Amino acid sequence: MSEGIVSNSVDIDRIIEMAWEDRTSFDAIKLQFGFTEQQVIRLMRRENEIVQF
């Protein structure tokens, strides 16, 4: 499974913001950033762990 490409922290923040929005589908995130729903969930979990430290 290929990972989506994130060029910087702004992209990461935008992906997470879009995932939290009710109006944005995971399909839209996949089209824009190349991340599947499961990849977005993993990204959100990873970023959440980093913030907790």
C-alpha atoms as a PDB file:
ATOM      1  CA  MET A   1       0.000   0.000   0.000  1.00  0.00           C
ATOM      2  CA  SER A   2       1.502   3.329  -0.973  1.00  0.00           C
ATOM      3  CA  GLU A   3       1.393   6.208   1.451  1.00  0.00           C
ATOM      4  CA  GLY A   4       0.101   9.606   0.474  1.00  0.00           C
ATOM      5  CA  ILE A   5       2.668  12.319   0.077  1.00  0.00           C
ATOM      6  CA  VAL A   6       2.730  15.120   2.617  1.00  0.00           C
ATOM      7  CA  SER A   7       5.121  17.903   1.703  1.00  0.00           C
ATOM      8  CA  ASN A   8       5.007  19.830   4.969  1.00  0.00           C
ATOM      9  CA  SER A   9       3.319  20.337   8.325  1.00  0.00           C
ATOM     10  CA  VAL A  10       0.729  22.627   6.713  1.00  0.00           C
ATOM     11  CA  ASP A  11      -0.451  19.661   4.615  1.00  0.00           C
ATOM     12  CA  ILE A  12      -0.652  17.474   7.723  1.00  0.00           C
ATOM     13  CA  ASP A  13      -2.678  20.119   9.541  1.00  0.00           C
ATOM     14  CA  ARG A  14      -4.990  20.528   6.532  1.00  0.00           C
ATOM     15  CA  ILE A  15      -5.559  16.770   6.186  1.00  0.00           C
ATOM     16  CA  ILE A  16      -6.443  16.501   9.881  1.00  0.00           C
ATOM     17  CA  GLU A  17      -8.701  19.566   9.683  1.00  0.00           C
ATOM     18  CA  MET A  18     -10.508  18.157   6.643  1.00  0.00           C
ATOM     19  CA  ALA A  19     -10.932  14.766   8.340  1.00  0.00           C
ATOM     20  CA  TRP A  20     -12.595  16.408  11.363  1.00  0.00           C
ATOM     21  CA  GLU A  21     -15.009  18.426   9.191  1.00  0.00           C
ATOM     22  CA  ASP A  22     -18.363  16.789   8.653  1.00  0.00           C
ATOM     23  CA  ARG A  23     -18.650  18.261   5.164  1.00  0.00           C
ATOM     24  CA  THR A  24     -15.409  16.728   3.825  1.00  0.00           C
ATOM     25  CA  SER A  25     -15.406  13.119   2.699  1.00  0.00           C
ATOM     26  CA  PHE A  26     -12.424  10.798   2.848  1.00  0.00           C
ATOM     27  CA  ASP A  27     -12.766  10.526  -0.932  1.00  0.00           C
ATOM     28  CA  ALA A  28     -12.053  14.270  -1.204  1.00  0.00           C
ATOM     29  CA  ILE A  29      -8.967  13.870   0.990  1.00  0.00           C
ATOM     30  CA  LYS A  30      -7.815  10.947  -1.170  1.00  0.00           C
ATOM     31  CA  LEU A  31      -8.246  12.993  -4.351  1.00  0.00           C
ATOM     32  CA  GLN A  32      -6.335  15.975  -2.979  1.00  0.00           C
ATOM     33  CA  PHE A  33      -3.604  14.273  -0.938  1.00  0.00           C
ATOM     34  CA  GLY A  34      -3.618  10.596  -1.954  1.00  0.00           C
ATOM     35  CA  PHE A  35      -4.427   9.298   1.542  1.00  0.00           C
ATOM     36  CA  THR A  36      -6.991   6.552   2.099  1.00  0.00           C
ATOM     37  CA  GLU A  37      -9.336   6.675   5.089  1.00  0.00           C
ATOM     38  CA  GLN A  38      -7.129   4.242   7.024  1.00  0.00           C
ATOM     39  CA  GLN A  39      -4.003   6.260   6.232  1.00  0.00           C
ATOM     40  CA  VAL A  40      -5.697   9.447   7.477  1.00  0.00           C
ATOM     41  CA  ILE A  41      -6.693   7.699  10.702  1.00  0.00           C
ATOM     42  CA  ARG A  42      -3.100   6.496  11.222  1.00  0.00           C
ATOM     43  CA  LEU A  43      -1.806  10.006  10.526  1.00  0.00           C
ATOM     44  CA  MET A  44      -4.239  11.495  13.040  1.00  0.00           C
ATOM     45  CA  ARG A  45      -3.242   8.950  15.693  1.00  0.00           C
ATOM     46  CA  ARG A  46       0.458   9.549  15.075  1.00  0.00           C
ATOM     47  CA  GLU A  47       0.090  13.324  15.252  1.00  0.00           C
ATOM     48  CA  ASN A  48      -2.023  13.032  18.404  1.00  0.00           C
ATOM     49  CA  GLU A  49       0.740  11.008  20.084  1.00  0.00           C
ATOM     50  CA  ILE A  50       3.333  13.647  19.133  1.00  0.00           C
ATOM     51  CA  VAL A  51       1.191  16.459  20.572  1.00  0.00           C
ATOM     52  CA  GLN A  52       0.723  14.606  23.873  1.00  0.00           C
ATOM     53  CA  PHE A  53       4.454  14.793  24.652  1.00  0.00           C
END
